[in-house]
Protein backbone atom coordinates (compact mmCIF):
# COMPACT_ATOMS: atom_id res chain seq x y z
CA MET A 1 -125.60 -56.85 -169.28
CA PRO A 2 -128.39 -54.30 -169.81
CA THR A 3 -127.39 -50.66 -170.09
CA TYR A 4 -129.43 -48.04 -168.29
CA SER A 5 -129.50 -44.47 -169.59
CA GLU A 6 -130.93 -41.04 -168.93
CA HIS A 7 -130.92 -37.88 -171.03
CA ILE A 8 -130.08 -34.52 -169.45
CA ILE A 9 -129.90 -30.96 -170.72
CA LEU A 10 -127.81 -28.01 -169.52
CA THR A 11 -128.49 -24.38 -170.38
CA GLY A 12 -126.88 -21.05 -169.53
CA HIS A 13 -123.24 -19.98 -169.33
CA ILE A 14 -122.24 -23.60 -168.95
CA VAL A 15 -118.84 -23.34 -170.69
CA ASP A 16 -117.14 -20.30 -169.14
CA SER A 17 -118.59 -21.16 -165.71
CA LEU A 18 -117.15 -24.69 -166.12
CA ILE A 19 -120.54 -26.25 -165.39
CA LEU A 20 -120.39 -28.53 -168.46
CA ALA A 21 -116.89 -29.70 -167.55
CA ARG A 22 -117.89 -30.35 -163.94
CA VAL A 23 -120.90 -32.41 -165.06
CA MET A 24 -118.73 -34.52 -167.36
CA ASP A 25 -116.15 -35.06 -164.62
CA ARG A 26 -118.73 -36.09 -162.05
CA ILE A 27 -120.33 -38.58 -164.44
CA MET A 28 -117.02 -40.34 -165.04
CA ASP A 29 -115.80 -40.02 -161.43
CA ASN A 30 -118.89 -41.90 -160.27
CA GLY A 31 -118.64 -44.84 -162.65
CA GLY A 32 -120.77 -43.65 -165.56
CA ASN A 33 -120.22 -42.67 -169.19
CA PHE A 34 -121.79 -40.09 -171.44
CA GLU A 35 -122.35 -39.05 -175.02
CA VAL A 36 -122.82 -35.45 -176.15
CA GLU A 37 -125.92 -35.65 -178.37
CA ASN A 38 -126.37 -31.95 -179.06
CA ILE A 39 -124.42 -28.83 -178.17
CA SER A 40 -124.68 -25.14 -179.02
CA ILE A 41 -122.12 -22.67 -177.66
CA GLY A 42 -123.06 -19.01 -177.13
CA ARG A 43 -121.02 -16.73 -179.40
CA ASN A 44 -120.88 -13.78 -177.02
CA LYS A 45 -121.24 -13.07 -173.30
CA ASP A 46 -124.99 -12.54 -173.56
CA GLU A 47 -125.80 -15.71 -175.53
CA ARG A 48 -126.66 -18.81 -173.53
CA SER A 49 -125.22 -22.20 -174.37
CA PHE A 50 -127.05 -25.52 -174.56
CA ALA A 51 -125.94 -29.14 -174.24
CA GLN A 52 -127.82 -32.43 -174.31
CA LEU A 53 -126.04 -35.46 -172.88
CA LYS A 54 -126.91 -39.13 -172.65
CA ILE A 55 -125.68 -40.68 -169.40
CA TYR A 56 -125.44 -44.45 -169.23
CA SER A 57 -124.31 -47.14 -166.84
CA ASP A 58 -124.53 -50.90 -166.47
CA ASP A 59 -125.96 -50.45 -162.97
CA TYR A 60 -129.32 -48.77 -162.36
CA ASP A 61 -128.47 -47.53 -158.85
CA THR A 62 -125.23 -46.01 -160.15
CA LEU A 63 -127.16 -44.19 -162.84
CA ARG A 64 -129.67 -42.78 -160.34
CA HIS A 65 -126.79 -41.69 -158.09
CA ILE A 66 -125.12 -39.88 -160.98
CA VAL A 67 -128.37 -38.21 -162.00
CA GLY A 68 -128.74 -36.84 -158.47
CA ILE A 69 -125.20 -35.46 -158.52
CA VAL A 70 -125.44 -33.73 -161.91
CA GLN A 71 -128.89 -32.43 -161.09
CA SER A 72 -127.34 -30.49 -158.19
CA LEU A 73 -125.01 -28.90 -160.76
CA GLY A 74 -127.93 -27.65 -162.85
CA ALA A 75 -128.73 -30.59 -165.12
CA GLU A 76 -132.39 -31.13 -166.02
CA LEU A 77 -133.93 -34.44 -167.07
CA LEU A 78 -134.95 -34.21 -170.70
CA HIS A 79 -137.98 -36.48 -170.34
CA GLY A 80 -138.89 -35.65 -166.75
CA GLY A 81 -142.49 -35.10 -165.75
CA ASP A 82 -144.04 -33.43 -162.71
CA VAL A 83 -142.43 -33.67 -159.31
CA VAL A 84 -143.21 -36.95 -157.55
CA THR A 85 -144.27 -36.91 -153.89
CA ARG A 86 -144.99 -39.49 -151.24
CA PRO A 87 -146.59 -38.91 -147.83
CA ALA A 88 -144.31 -38.81 -144.79
CA PRO A 89 -144.99 -42.03 -142.83
CA ALA A 90 -144.69 -40.33 -139.43
CA ASP A 91 -143.70 -37.05 -137.79
CA GLY A 92 -140.00 -36.42 -138.45
CA VAL A 93 -139.72 -39.46 -140.76
CA LEU A 94 -139.20 -39.31 -144.53
CA PRO A 95 -140.35 -41.60 -147.33
CA ASP A 96 -137.66 -43.62 -149.08
CA ASP A 97 -135.81 -41.89 -151.96
CA PHE A 98 -136.57 -38.42 -150.55
CA TYR A 99 -135.03 -35.48 -152.42
CA SER A 100 -132.44 -33.56 -150.37
CA THR A 101 -131.85 -29.94 -151.41
CA THR A 102 -128.74 -27.92 -152.15
CA ASN A 103 -128.51 -24.20 -151.31
CA LEU A 104 -129.00 -23.27 -154.97
CA GLU A 105 -132.19 -21.82 -156.43
CA THR A 106 -134.51 -24.77 -157.02
CA GLN A 107 -137.79 -25.30 -158.83
CA VAL A 108 -140.29 -28.16 -159.05
CA ARG A 109 -142.74 -28.86 -161.85
CA ILE A 110 -146.41 -28.87 -160.83
CA ALA A 111 -149.07 -29.46 -163.50
CA GLY A 112 -146.49 -28.81 -166.20
CA GLU A 113 -145.25 -25.48 -164.79
CA TRP A 114 -142.00 -24.74 -162.93
CA VAL A 115 -142.58 -23.33 -159.43
CA ASP A 116 -139.92 -21.79 -157.18
CA VAL A 117 -139.18 -23.66 -153.95
CA GLU A 118 -139.53 -21.19 -151.07
CA HIS A 119 -136.86 -20.63 -148.40
CA ILE A 120 -134.18 -22.70 -150.09
CA GLU A 121 -131.32 -24.05 -147.97
CA MET A 122 -129.16 -27.15 -148.10
CA ASP A 123 -129.95 -30.60 -146.71
CA VAL A 124 -133.69 -30.13 -146.20
CA MET A 125 -136.77 -31.60 -147.86
CA ILE A 126 -139.28 -30.17 -150.35
CA VAL A 127 -142.94 -30.31 -149.34
CA VAL A 128 -145.29 -29.77 -152.29
CA ASP A 129 -148.76 -28.22 -152.13
CA ARG A 130 -150.28 -29.04 -155.52
CA ALA A 131 -153.59 -27.32 -154.76
CA ALA A 132 -151.80 -24.04 -153.97
CA HIS A 133 -149.29 -24.58 -156.78
CA ALA A 134 -146.47 -24.06 -154.27
CA ALA A 135 -143.46 -25.79 -152.71
CA ARG A 136 -141.33 -25.01 -149.68
CA CYS A 137 -138.28 -26.29 -147.83
CA VAL A 138 -138.89 -28.10 -144.55
CA PRO A 139 -136.20 -29.57 -142.23
CA ILE A 140 -136.66 -33.20 -141.24
CA ASN A 141 -137.58 -32.40 -137.63
CA GLU A 142 -140.52 -30.26 -138.82
CA ILE A 143 -141.95 -32.87 -141.21
CA LYS A 144 -145.46 -33.97 -140.21
CA GLN A 145 -147.10 -37.29 -140.94
CA GLY A 146 -148.80 -37.16 -144.33
CA ASP A 147 -146.77 -34.22 -145.69
CA PRO A 148 -146.29 -34.71 -149.46
CA VAL A 149 -142.49 -34.92 -149.68
CA ALA A 150 -140.66 -34.74 -153.02
CA VAL A 151 -138.92 -38.00 -153.91
CA GLY A 152 -136.61 -39.07 -156.72
CA HIS A 153 -135.37 -36.63 -159.35
CA ASP A 154 -138.27 -36.12 -161.76
CA GLY A 155 -139.74 -32.66 -161.87
CA VAL A 156 -136.89 -30.99 -159.96
CA ARG A 157 -134.37 -28.57 -161.43
CA VAL A 158 -131.55 -26.55 -159.88
CA HIS A 159 -130.12 -23.25 -161.16
CA PRO A 160 -126.33 -23.31 -160.70
CA LEU A 161 -124.23 -20.30 -159.81
CA GLU A 162 -122.57 -18.88 -162.90
CA ARG A 163 -119.34 -16.94 -163.09
CA ALA A 164 -119.83 -13.23 -162.48
CA ARG A 165 -119.24 -11.11 -165.57
CA GLU A 166 -117.78 -8.25 -163.53
CA ALA A 167 -114.62 -8.66 -161.48
CA GLU A 168 -115.72 -9.05 -157.88
CA ILE A 169 -114.70 -11.04 -154.84
CA PHE A 170 -118.07 -12.70 -154.25
CA SER A 171 -118.12 -15.48 -156.82
CA PHE A 172 -116.72 -18.97 -156.51
CA MET A 173 -114.01 -19.49 -153.91
CA GLY A 174 -111.49 -19.65 -156.72
CA SER A 175 -108.20 -20.12 -154.89
CA GLU A 176 -106.80 -21.79 -151.83
CA VAL A 177 -107.42 -20.08 -148.54
CA SER A 178 -104.14 -18.43 -147.58
CA SER A 179 -102.84 -16.13 -144.88
CA GLU A 180 -100.80 -14.36 -147.58
CA LYS A 181 -103.72 -12.83 -149.47
CA PRO A 182 -103.81 -8.99 -149.64
CA LYS A 183 -106.38 -8.59 -146.89
CA ARG A 184 -106.75 -4.81 -147.00
CA LEU A 185 -107.80 -4.91 -150.65
CA VAL A 186 -110.37 -7.60 -149.91
CA ILE A 187 -111.65 -5.73 -146.85
CA LYS A 188 -111.99 -2.56 -148.96
CA GLN A 189 -114.26 -4.44 -151.38
CA ILE A 190 -116.25 -5.94 -148.51
CA ALA A 191 -116.77 -2.46 -147.07
CA ARG A 192 -117.90 -1.16 -150.47
CA GLU A 193 -120.47 -3.96 -150.74
CA MET A 194 -121.68 -3.35 -147.18
CA ARG A 195 -122.27 0.33 -147.96
CA ALA A 196 -124.26 -0.59 -151.06
CA ILE A 197 -126.38 -3.08 -149.12
CA ARG A 198 -127.13 -0.57 -146.35
CA GLU A 199 -128.00 2.17 -148.84
CA ARG A 200 -130.57 -0.02 -150.59
CA GLY A 201 -132.09 -1.14 -147.29
CA GLY A 202 -130.64 -4.64 -147.42
CA ARG A 203 -129.80 -6.86 -144.48
CA ILE A 204 -126.44 -8.08 -143.14
CA VAL A 205 -126.16 -10.86 -140.54
CA LEU A 206 -123.05 -11.19 -138.38
CA VAL A 207 -122.08 -14.53 -136.80
CA ALA A 208 -119.82 -13.74 -133.86
CA GLY A 209 -117.40 -15.78 -131.74
CA PRO A 210 -115.96 -14.82 -128.33
CA ALA A 211 -112.51 -14.19 -129.83
CA ILE A 212 -113.97 -10.86 -130.98
CA VAL A 213 -114.02 -9.80 -127.34
CA HIS A 214 -110.81 -11.59 -126.29
CA SER A 215 -108.84 -9.88 -129.09
CA GLY A 216 -110.13 -6.40 -128.26
CA ALA A 217 -112.33 -6.12 -131.37
CA ALA A 218 -115.63 -5.61 -129.49
CA PRO A 219 -115.55 -1.78 -129.86
CA SER A 220 -115.21 -2.19 -133.66
CA LEU A 221 -118.18 -4.56 -133.81
CA ALA A 222 -120.18 -2.22 -131.56
CA ALA A 223 -119.41 0.60 -134.02
CA LEU A 224 -120.78 -1.48 -136.92
CA VAL A 225 -124.00 -2.11 -134.99
CA ARG A 226 -124.28 1.56 -133.99
CA ALA A 227 -123.85 2.69 -137.61
CA GLY A 228 -126.65 0.41 -138.87
CA TYR A 229 -124.52 -2.09 -140.75
CA ILE A 230 -125.62 -5.16 -138.76
CA SER A 231 -129.24 -6.27 -139.07
CA GLU A 232 -129.03 -9.38 -136.88
CA LEU A 233 -126.38 -11.07 -134.72
CA PHE A 234 -125.95 -14.81 -134.18
CA GLY A 235 -123.71 -16.26 -131.51
CA GLY A 236 -123.49 -18.38 -128.41
CA ASN A 237 -123.44 -17.83 -124.69
CA ALA A 238 -119.72 -16.96 -124.76
CA ILE A 239 -119.80 -13.89 -127.06
CA ALA A 240 -122.52 -12.26 -124.95
CA THR A 241 -121.03 -13.30 -121.60
CA HIS A 242 -117.54 -11.99 -122.31
CA ASP A 243 -118.88 -8.83 -123.94
CA ILE A 244 -120.90 -8.12 -120.80
CA GLU A 245 -117.90 -9.10 -118.62
CA SER A 246 -115.80 -6.51 -120.45
CA ALA A 247 -118.53 -3.86 -120.12
CA LEU A 248 -118.94 -4.46 -116.37
CA LEU A 249 -115.40 -5.37 -115.27
CA GLY A 250 -113.03 -4.46 -118.09
CA THR A 251 -111.86 -8.05 -118.54
CA SER A 252 -112.43 -10.96 -120.91
CA LEU A 253 -111.78 -14.42 -119.46
CA GLY A 254 -110.28 -12.58 -116.51
CA VAL A 255 -107.68 -10.77 -118.65
CA ASP A 256 -107.56 -6.97 -118.48
CA LEU A 257 -108.34 -5.74 -122.00
CA LYS A 258 -106.20 -2.60 -121.55
CA THR A 259 -103.03 -4.21 -120.20
CA GLY A 260 -103.38 -7.77 -121.46
CA LEU A 261 -102.54 -9.07 -117.99
CA PRO A 262 -104.56 -11.48 -115.86
CA VAL A 263 -106.52 -9.90 -113.02
CA GLU A 264 -106.38 -11.37 -109.55
CA GLY A 265 -109.47 -13.54 -109.14
CA GLY A 266 -110.46 -12.76 -112.73
CA HIS A 267 -111.34 -16.38 -113.49
CA ARG A 268 -114.72 -15.73 -111.81
CA ASN A 269 -115.49 -12.51 -113.70
CA HIS A 270 -117.50 -14.15 -116.48
CA VAL A 271 -119.68 -15.87 -113.87
CA ARG A 272 -120.14 -12.52 -112.11
CA ALA A 273 -121.34 -11.08 -115.43
CA ILE A 274 -123.77 -13.97 -115.93
CA ASN A 275 -125.04 -13.60 -112.37
CA THR A 276 -125.66 -9.86 -112.86
CA VAL A 277 -127.78 -10.47 -115.95
CA ARG A 278 -129.66 -13.37 -114.34
CA ARG A 279 -130.48 -11.14 -111.40
CA HIS A 280 -132.19 -8.70 -113.80
CA GLY A 281 -133.84 -11.45 -115.86
CA SER A 282 -132.42 -10.63 -119.31
CA ILE A 283 -129.75 -8.66 -121.14
CA ARG A 284 -132.34 -6.10 -122.21
CA ALA A 285 -133.50 -5.61 -118.63
CA ALA A 286 -129.91 -5.09 -117.48
CA VAL A 287 -129.35 -2.50 -120.22
CA GLU A 288 -132.60 -0.70 -119.46
CA ALA A 289 -131.69 -0.65 -115.76
CA GLY A 290 -128.47 1.16 -116.64
CA VAL A 291 -126.25 -1.69 -115.45
CA ILE A 292 -124.77 -2.47 -118.89
CA LYS A 293 -123.68 0.79 -120.52
CA THR A 294 -121.31 -0.22 -123.32
CA GLY A 295 -120.47 -3.10 -125.61
CA ILE A 296 -121.89 -5.22 -128.41
CA MET A 297 -125.00 -6.37 -126.56
CA TYR A 298 -125.66 -2.83 -125.35
CA GLU A 299 -125.58 -1.47 -128.91
CA CYS A 300 -127.80 -4.30 -130.19
CA ILE A 301 -130.41 -3.53 -127.52
CA LYS A 302 -130.23 0.23 -128.06
CA HIS A 303 -130.54 -0.07 -131.86
CA ASN A 304 -133.12 -2.89 -131.90
CA VAL A 305 -130.82 -5.40 -133.59
CA PRO A 306 -132.14 -8.92 -132.92
CA VAL A 307 -129.67 -11.29 -131.24
CA VAL A 308 -130.00 -15.07 -131.46
CA LEU A 309 -127.86 -16.82 -128.82
CA THR A 310 -127.76 -20.62 -128.89
CA GLY A 311 -126.55 -22.90 -126.13
CA SER A 312 -124.00 -25.69 -125.93
CA ILE A 313 -123.02 -28.34 -123.40
CA ARG A 314 -119.99 -26.33 -122.22
CA ASP A 315 -121.88 -23.13 -121.32
CA ASP A 316 -121.56 -21.55 -117.90
CA GLY A 317 -124.88 -20.23 -116.65
CA PRO A 318 -126.02 -19.74 -119.28
CA LEU A 319 -127.39 -16.23 -119.74
CA PRO A 320 -131.21 -16.20 -119.58
CA ASP A 321 -131.37 -15.06 -123.24
CA VAL A 322 -129.62 -18.21 -124.51
CA ILE A 323 -131.91 -20.62 -126.39
CA LEU A 324 -131.40 -24.15 -125.05
CA ASP A 325 -133.88 -25.90 -127.36
CA MET A 326 -131.89 -26.63 -130.55
CA GLY A 327 -135.03 -26.95 -132.68
CA GLU A 328 -136.19 -23.53 -131.53
CA ALA A 329 -132.70 -22.11 -132.08
CA GLN A 330 -132.67 -23.38 -135.67
CA ARG A 331 -136.13 -21.93 -136.25
CA ARG A 332 -135.04 -18.51 -134.96
CA MET A 333 -131.90 -18.57 -137.10
CA ARG A 334 -133.90 -19.55 -140.18
CA GLU A 335 -136.17 -16.57 -139.60
CA GLY A 336 -133.14 -14.34 -139.12
CA VAL A 337 -131.52 -15.19 -142.47
CA ARG A 338 -134.65 -14.66 -144.57
CA GLY A 339 -133.94 -12.00 -147.17
CA VAL A 340 -130.34 -11.42 -146.04
CA GLN A 341 -127.86 -10.17 -148.66
CA MET A 342 -124.57 -10.66 -146.77
CA CYS A 343 -123.31 -12.71 -143.86
CA LEU A 344 -120.11 -11.97 -141.95
CA MET A 345 -118.78 -14.96 -139.99
CA VAL A 346 -116.03 -14.01 -137.57
CA ALA A 347 -114.04 -16.38 -135.32
CA THR A 348 -116.62 -19.10 -134.69
CA MET A 349 -116.53 -22.44 -136.47
CA LEU A 350 -119.71 -24.24 -135.39
CA HIS A 351 -122.03 -21.23 -135.54
CA SER A 352 -120.57 -20.26 -138.93
CA ILE A 353 -121.11 -23.72 -140.43
CA ALA A 354 -124.61 -23.88 -138.95
CA THR A 355 -125.49 -20.51 -140.46
CA GLY A 356 -123.86 -21.36 -143.78
CA ASN A 357 -126.13 -24.41 -144.00
CA LEU A 358 -129.17 -22.12 -143.78
CA LEU A 359 -128.11 -19.63 -146.46
CA PRO A 360 -129.13 -19.66 -150.14
CA ALA A 361 -126.16 -19.66 -152.51
CA ASN A 362 -126.84 -16.09 -153.67
CA VAL A 363 -125.99 -14.63 -150.25
CA LYS A 364 -122.55 -13.02 -150.09
CA VAL A 365 -120.55 -14.71 -147.31
CA VAL A 366 -117.34 -13.56 -145.61
CA ALA A 367 -115.65 -16.14 -143.36
CA VAL A 368 -112.87 -14.89 -141.08
CA ASP A 369 -110.77 -17.03 -138.76
CA ILE A 370 -107.15 -17.33 -137.68
CA ASN A 371 -107.32 -21.05 -138.52
CA PRO A 372 -107.37 -21.80 -142.29
CA ALA A 373 -109.16 -25.11 -141.68
CA VAL A 374 -112.16 -23.29 -140.21
CA VAL A 375 -112.45 -21.06 -143.28
CA THR A 376 -112.22 -23.92 -145.76
CA LYS A 377 -114.82 -25.99 -143.88
CA LEU A 378 -117.51 -23.64 -145.17
CA ALA A 379 -116.57 -24.38 -148.77
CA ASP A 380 -116.34 -28.08 -147.95
CA ARG A 381 -119.89 -27.98 -146.56
CA GLY A 382 -121.22 -26.42 -149.76
CA SER A 383 -121.08 -22.67 -149.04
CA PHE A 384 -118.89 -22.21 -152.10
CA GLN A 385 -119.89 -18.55 -152.45
CA ALA A 386 -117.82 -17.73 -149.35
CA VAL A 387 -114.86 -15.36 -149.35
CA GLY A 388 -112.30 -16.66 -146.87
CA LEU A 389 -109.86 -14.53 -144.89
CA VAL A 390 -107.24 -16.08 -142.62
CA THR A 391 -106.60 -13.40 -140.02
CA ASP A 392 -107.52 -12.53 -136.45
CA ALA A 393 -110.83 -10.92 -135.56
CA GLU A 394 -109.36 -7.67 -134.28
CA LEU A 395 -107.38 -6.98 -137.45
CA PHE A 396 -110.34 -7.71 -139.72
CA LEU A 397 -112.94 -5.70 -137.77
CA SER A 398 -110.67 -2.73 -137.06
CA GLN A 399 -109.71 -2.45 -140.75
CA LEU A 400 -113.32 -2.87 -141.80
CA VAL A 401 -114.40 -0.03 -139.48
CA GLU A 402 -111.54 2.08 -140.83
CA GLU A 403 -112.63 1.47 -144.42
CA LEU A 404 -116.21 2.42 -143.49
CA ASP A 405 -114.88 5.55 -141.76
CA LEU A 406 -116.70 4.88 -138.49
CA PRO A 407 -115.84 6.31 -135.07
CA VAL A 408 -115.04 3.65 -132.47
């Protein structure tokens, strides 16, 4: 049988970051073999290493599959040329063998030069503009007929995350998610990083679930917004509805937030809150009318923090501010994460995973949920730069506010 082969090269801190070992494992795990043709190991922490491998397989499709996998780990084709493109056959339709991105820094080769791909995120396509010597990420639903879409693996290279030289919590998720981790120490480091980001004018996005309100943590989140730590807030109809319910009626899901006891007729309180906002036309209008005087939404309006609320099939109402067009919601969220340095994801699985899919790998991510499975899903989806904390929203946010020395 004929043997098909491809030569790849790896450069950087490929030994201590385990990139070389991961590439070798993935080659063999997927039915291929390899030979190390050349290797040079850096002798100190500043010297970069180099390895050249020959990958081979008896099956051509297997070889191409392996090449795609190791390319996402930072491998570069030794004999690759410029990026190859084919026109999209129709709006929202891709050519065969399209290249699907990771969330790692990516470049394409145009006229012999490597060009950064703009707005990198995972699971989207690369549209190449050779005349402008540029490339950008485009989701499938925004592809237009005739767009030159990158296909295959030639002329594409990915820069993998390497192990941080300094001890810090934002590197690879290096251990199992556990409820027994020393949370206060981790929260102290998160607070230190948040201070540094705010001081240098950076941006922090918070993805919020309604459990923040149910658990009594809304005042802590409001304090973070008031102090300028939150640059943008993502959530759904529920976080805003129950926050406004608590501001107007002192309940969340009909439960008194001071006593923890159900209120007579409280099951209708969230609908009363929605109705109040709908009567005014928007959350901002209700705040400006003096109807909503406290809470997370109030602080976001008062401090000009953008809020992106996206709808779901189970929503009551919804509030007039909720975006019901999912394409528009994704577009707004993509705009919101541009240039962000940190993302806090608290007590919301679907919104957290959706946001994680939009983030480049160099963004520091904190995922907090009482359910360990929710936290690990982010790593499973590729957001391997996430720090996971298994705890409830109130404990995390109250300790974070305490570490930042903020009044509540």
